[in-house]
Amino acid sequence: MIEVLAVPAYRKLFVAQIVALLGTGLLTVALGLLAFELAEGQAGAVLGTALTIKMLAYVFVAPLMAALVERLPKKAVLVGADLVRTGIALMLPMVDQTWQIYVLVFVLQSASATFTPAFQSLIPVVLPEERHYTRALSLSRLAYDLESLVSPALAAALLAVASFHELFLGTVAGFLFSAALVVTTRLPATPATRQEGTLWHRTTLGARIFARTPELKGLMALNLTVAAATALVLVNTVVYARDLFGGVNADVAIALACYGAGSMLVALTAPWILDRVPDLAFMWAGAALVSFGLAGTFALLAGPGTWPILLGLWVVLGAATSMINTPSARLLRRAASDSTRSFIFTAQFSLSHACFIITYPIAGWVGATAGQPTAAAVLAAVAMIGTVAATKFWPAMFRNGPAPLTVKG
């Protein structure tokens, strides 16, 4: 897996990704503390609104920005997005009203919704060989998982010697360093392509390609399956650990670490497995495992379950979601041409986050009003719907090899 880091352009981009992720992680901690300082007892409502704004930016702003910046050089787009995020991070410590948080978060996440799809669509150009690209996907998955563990620890260490306002400076440093690495990266030449048509045509192009490509429609269904598991873990782990099992804050961290450990295990082994197993079969197996893990969580909550069993289920869910997420970009890469790559990656970014608008309320509100077993059961049903839909769209999945996808239309 490490061999792809021998490619200078990818190595710099990968380091830029890690640094930007660490900066974002510090921002998440600092934003929570800022919300508590401004709203105290209403901090949860403020953060919930901010997260909703984040998802709305990801879903609606990402495809619009992809259409607007399509004709700009990728390097300029990435650096510009990093500089916008830097400016917003500098402004956040000066906020003294909650509405200002909402405005700045919207601009910040709009910049992230521009940066992330553009970055993801650039990696297949830097690493054109599928074998190398698969290893890059695994490294990226590891980076996300490690960030979820390292950022809180780094924030805790910094808070021991500084106030939370200084965490925003760490975010600024991360985004600036990311921009500097992108500026100094020699990117391969790409064919000069441009999409004709109106802004609306270009904005909706990626979604329309998804709608007419069976393999991508199956991926869309599995995005819902991933969102079901992720929402349950992120929203309700604290409830299970503290209320249902009478644990302490450290138990919340342990449970989330188990989820991350399962994901990292798959990320480390995925390149070897995907050399031997068709992508769609591997992803479908992950979807079936998600459904099993959520059904197991329902059984655990409805019966006399134990804490170690929950930790084991979190490992299973982490591994299962990674089995879907890690190879998914390979499907996007095969379905894309030079002229449509950024639109397809942006559509996946937008559509996958749209699923959380469905699953987050189920995990939170159904759990709070109808009980945690009911929330787990509903999310298990959602995951199964996604899995069955993928089966419908991928009837020959176990025979599907690494051949390029056929985009209908």
Foldseek 3Di string as FASTA:
>chain_A
DCVLCVQPQVVLLLVLLLLLLLLVLLVVVLLLVVLCVQPVVCSVVLVVLLVVLLLVLLQQLLLLLCLVCVQPDLLCLQLVLLVLLLVLLVCVVVDRHSVVSNVSSNSNSNSVSRNVLSSLLQLCQSVVDPLSVLLSLLSSLLSNLVSVVVNVVVSVVVVVPDPSSCSSVSSSVSSVSSSVSSVPRDGDDDDNDEDDDDSVCSSCVQVVLLVQFLQSVLLLLQLLLLLLLVLLLVPCLCVCQCPVQNHDPVLNVLLSNLLSVLLNVCSVCVSVVLVPAALLVQLLVLLVLSLVLLVVVLVQQVDVHDPVVSSVSSSSSSNSSNSSSSCVVLLLVLSDDSHCSSSNSSNCSNSSSVSNVVNNCLSPVCCVPVNNSVSSVVSSVSSVSSSVSSCVSCVPRRVDHSHRGDRDD
